[in-house]
Amino acid sequence: HEMVAAPRHVYSAWILNNYNTLVTATVQYKFPNGSLEDTHLSIAPGARGRAEEKHVTEGLATFAATINQISVVEAGGKQSMKKAPFNVHGPVRDYVFTVGKDLSLSEEGR
């Protein structure tokens, strides 16, 4: 019988800012019930921001939200974005995204 692929979910992430000014990252989480929630992080040049894991409790069960989309914007309004599915082979935590010198978002992984 066929192998069932592990869900390619990212639960938490680091966002490293290699851009030359402060960026604001918006991390969109998706909950199992389909609802979305945004978290905003201000990340100084050379610093990194943490997108924490989020959970929702329904009855006796607790479910983890997955990171659905990350976008970054700099003071002048220039922005870039990455959407799920990300380049992962299974569920991961502390996945690393890097904001490049040209404000591009890339996936560094672990």
C-alpha atoms as a PDB file:
ATOM      1  CA  HIS A   1       0.000   0.000   0.000  1.00  0.00           C
ATOM      2  CA  GLU A   2       1.027   3.627  -0.491  1.00  0.00           C
ATOM      3  CA  MET A   3       3.034   5.658   1.963  1.00  0.00           C
ATOM      4  CA  VAL A   4       1.041   8.513   3.416  1.00  0.00           C
ATOM      5  CA  ALA A   5       3.095  11.691   3.201  1.00  0.00           C
ATOM      6  CA  ALA A   6       3.670  13.544   6.434  1.00  0.00           C
ATOM      7  CA  PRO A   7       1.887  16.903   6.531  1.00  0.00           C
ATOM      8  CA  ARG A   8       4.212  19.613   5.233  1.00  0.00           C
ATOM      9  CA  HIS A   9       3.431  22.029   8.030  1.00  0.00           C
ATOM     10  CA  VAL A  10       5.549  24.744   9.586  1.00  0.00           C
ATOM     11  CA  TYR A  11       4.480  25.399  13.185  1.00  0.00           C
ATOM     12  CA  SER A  12       7.005  28.041  14.232  1.00  0.00           C
ATOM     13  CA  ALA A  13       9.727  30.009  12.502  1.00  0.00           C
ATOM     14  CA  TRP A  14      12.648  32.369  12.797  1.00  0.00           C
ATOM     15  CA  ILE A  15      12.846  35.303  10.400  1.00  0.00           C
ATOM     16  CA  LEU A  16      16.372  36.635   9.917  1.00  0.00           C
ATOM     17  CA  ASN A  17      16.661  40.188   8.580  1.00  0.00           C
ATOM     18  CA  ASN A  18      19.645  40.729   6.267  1.00  0.00           C
ATOM     19  CA  TYR A  19      18.006  43.815   4.769  1.00  0.00           C
ATOM     20  CA  ASN A  20      19.604  47.198   5.564  1.00  0.00           C
ATOM     21  CA  THR A  21      16.658  48.671   7.486  1.00  0.00           C
ATOM     22  CA  LEU A  22      13.970  47.571   9.910  1.00  0.00           C
ATOM     23  CA  VAL A  23      11.311  45.339   8.383  1.00  0.00           C
ATOM     24  CA  THR A  24       7.861  44.450   9.641  1.00  0.00           C
ATOM     25  CA  ALA A  25       7.007  40.808   9.146  1.00  0.00           C
ATOM     26  CA  THR A  26       3.402  39.643   9.116  1.00  0.00           C
ATOM     27  CA  VAL A  27       3.020  35.958   9.881  1.00  0.00           C
ATOM     28  CA  GLN A  28      -0.354  34.487   9.009  1.00  0.00           C
ATOM     29  CA  TYR A  29      -1.362  31.383  10.953  1.00  0.00           C
ATOM     30  CA  LYS A  30      -4.054  28.978   9.865  1.00  0.00           C
ATOM     31  CA  PHE A  31      -5.979  27.020  12.469  1.00  0.00           C
ATOM     32  CA  PRO A  32      -7.462  23.561  11.839  1.00  0.00           C
ATOM     33  CA  ASN A  33     -10.964  25.069  11.712  1.00  0.00           C
ATOM     34  CA  GLY A  34      -9.845  27.309   8.829  1.00  0.00           C
ATOM     35  CA  SER A  35      -9.635  30.558  10.784  1.00  0.00           C
ATOM     36  CA  LEU A  36      -6.662  32.852  10.192  1.00  0.00           C
ATOM     37  CA  GLU A  37      -4.700  35.000  12.614  1.00  0.00           C
ATOM     38  CA  ASP A  38      -1.882  37.466  11.937  1.00  0.00           C
ATOM     39  CA  THR A  39       1.116  38.233  14.129  1.00  0.00           C
ATOM     40  CA  HIS A  40       3.319  41.251  13.407  1.00  0.00           C
ATOM     41  CA  LEU A  41       7.028  41.341  14.191  1.00  0.00           C
ATOM     42  CA  SER A  42       9.409  44.297  13.879  1.00  0.00           C
ATOM     43  CA  ILE A  43      12.876  43.009  13.037  1.00  0.00           C
ATOM     44  CA  ALA A  44      15.957  45.240  13.088  1.00  0.00           C
ATOM     45  CA  PRO A  45      18.751  44.816  10.504  1.00  0.00           C
ATOM     46  CA  GLY A  46      20.896  41.805  11.397  1.00  0.00           C
ATOM     47  CA  ALA A  47      18.375  40.628  14.000  1.00  0.00           C
ATOM     48  CA  ARG A  48      15.871  37.806  13.900  1.00  0.00           C
ATOM     49  CA  GLY A  49      12.242  37.603  14.913  1.00  0.00           C
ATOM     50  CA  ARG A  50      10.443  34.568  16.243  1.00  0.00           C
ATOM     51  CA  ALA A  51       7.071  33.406  15.003  1.00  0.00           C
ATOM     52  CA  GLU A  52       5.927  31.395  18.001  1.00  0.00           C
ATOM     53  CA  GLU A  53       3.838  28.276  17.807  1.00  0.00           C
ATOM     54  CA  LYS A  54       0.109  28.927  18.353  1.00  0.00           C
ATOM     55  CA  HIS A  55      -2.488  26.513  19.662  1.00  0.00           C
ATOM     56  CA  VAL A  56      -6.229  26.348  19.929  1.00  0.00           C
ATOM     57  CA  THR A  57      -8.134  24.144  22.354  1.00  0.00           C
ATOM     58  CA  GLU A  58     -11.426  22.629  21.296  1.00  0.00           C
ATOM     59  CA  GLY A  59     -13.040  20.573  24.007  1.00  0.00           C
ATOM     60  CA  LEU A  60     -10.317  18.290  25.371  1.00  0.00           C
ATOM     61  CA  ALA A  61      -8.102  18.438  22.308  1.00  0.00           C
ATOM     62  CA  THR A  62      -5.405  20.985  21.510  1.00  0.00           C
ATOM     63  CA  PHE A  63      -4.493  21.681  17.903  1.00  0.00           C
ATOM     64  CA  ALA A  64      -1.482  23.545  16.553  1.00  0.00           C
ATOM     65  CA  ALA A  65      -1.890  26.291  13.983  1.00  0.00           C
ATOM     66  CA  THR A  66       0.343  26.197  10.923  1.00  0.00           C
ATOM     67  CA  ILE A  67       2.139  29.105   9.303  1.00  0.00           C
ATOM     68  CA  ASN A  68       0.247  29.844   6.114  1.00  0.00           C
ATOM     69  CA  GLN A  69       2.050  32.909   4.801  1.00  0.00           C
ATOM     70  CA  ILE A  70       4.866  35.292   5.695  1.00  0.00           C
ATOM     71  CA  SER A  71       5.223  38.772   4.264  1.00  0.00           C
ATOM     72  CA  VAL A  72       7.771  41.483   5.002  1.00  0.00           C
ATOM     73  CA  VAL A  73       7.553  45.193   4.320  1.00  0.00           C
ATOM     74  CA  GLU A  74      10.189  47.910   4.748  1.00  0.00           C
ATOM     75  CA  ALA A  75       9.626  51.568   5.683  1.00  0.00           C
ATOM     76  CA  GLY A  76       9.313  52.691   2.054  1.00  0.00           C
ATOM     77  CA  GLY A  77       6.504  50.217   1.417  1.00  0.00           C
ATOM     78  CA  LYS A  78       8.464  47.675  -0.636  1.00  0.00           C
ATOM     79  CA  GLN A  79       7.440  44.146   0.251  1.00  0.00           C
ATOM     80  CA  SER A  80       7.771  40.470  -0.508  1.00  0.00           C
ATOM     81  CA  MET A  81       5.856  37.358   0.479  1.00  0.00           C
ATOM     82  CA  LYS A  82       6.060  33.573   0.752  1.00  0.00           C
ATOM     83  CA  LYS A  83       3.044  31.280   0.984  1.00  0.00           C
ATOM     84  CA  ALA A  84       2.632  27.677   2.087  1.00  0.00           C
ATOM     85  CA  PRO A  85       3.327  24.977   1.113  1.00  0.00           C
ATOM     86  CA  PHE A  86       6.921  25.649   2.069  1.00  0.00           C
ATOM     87  CA  ASN A  87       9.858  23.515   1.023  1.00  0.00           C
ATOM     88  CA  VAL A  88       9.557  21.051   3.893  1.00  0.00           C
ATOM     89  CA  HIS A  89       9.114  17.294   3.866  1.00  0.00           C
ATOM     90  CA  GLY A  90       7.175  16.973   7.090  1.00  0.00           C
ATOM     91  CA  PRO A  91       6.039  18.978  10.086  1.00  0.00           C
ATOM     92  CA  VAL A  92       8.776  21.326  11.321  1.00  0.00           C
ATOM     93  CA  ARG A  93       9.321  23.831  14.106  1.00  0.00           C
ATOM     94  CA  ASP A  94      11.791  26.731  14.129  1.00  0.00           C
ATOM     95  CA  TYR A  95      11.978  26.842  10.342  1.00  0.00           C
ATOM     96  CA  VAL A  96      14.251  29.667   9.167  1.00  0.00           C
ATOM     97  CA  PHE A  97      13.235  32.304   6.637  1.00  0.00           C
ATOM     98  CA  THR A  98      15.768  34.925   5.560  1.00  0.00           C
ATOM     99  CA  VAL A  99      15.064  38.441   4.309  1.00  0.00           C
ATOM    100  CA  GLY A 100      17.758  39.158   1.732  1.00  0.00           C
ATOM    101  CA  LYS A 101      19.602  42.372   0.909  1.00  0.00           C
ATOM    102  CA  ASP A 102      17.081  42.889  -1.904  1.00  0.00           C
ATOM    103  CA  LEU A 103      14.182  42.224   0.525  1.00  0.00           C
ATOM    104  CA  SER A 104      13.517  38.821  -1.064  1.00  0.00           C
ATOM    105  CA  LEU A 105      12.276  36.094   1.286  1.00  0.00           C
ATOM    106  CA  SER A 106      14.053  32.774   1.102  1.00  0.00           C
ATOM    107  CA  GLU A 107      13.728  29.528   3.001  1.00  0.00           C
ATOM    108  CA  GLU A 108      16.910  28.492   4.758  1.00  0.00           C
ATOM    109  CA  GLY A 109      15.221  25.594   6.477  1.00  0.00           C
ATOM    110  CA  ARG A 110      16.940  24.365   9.623  1.00  0.00           C
END
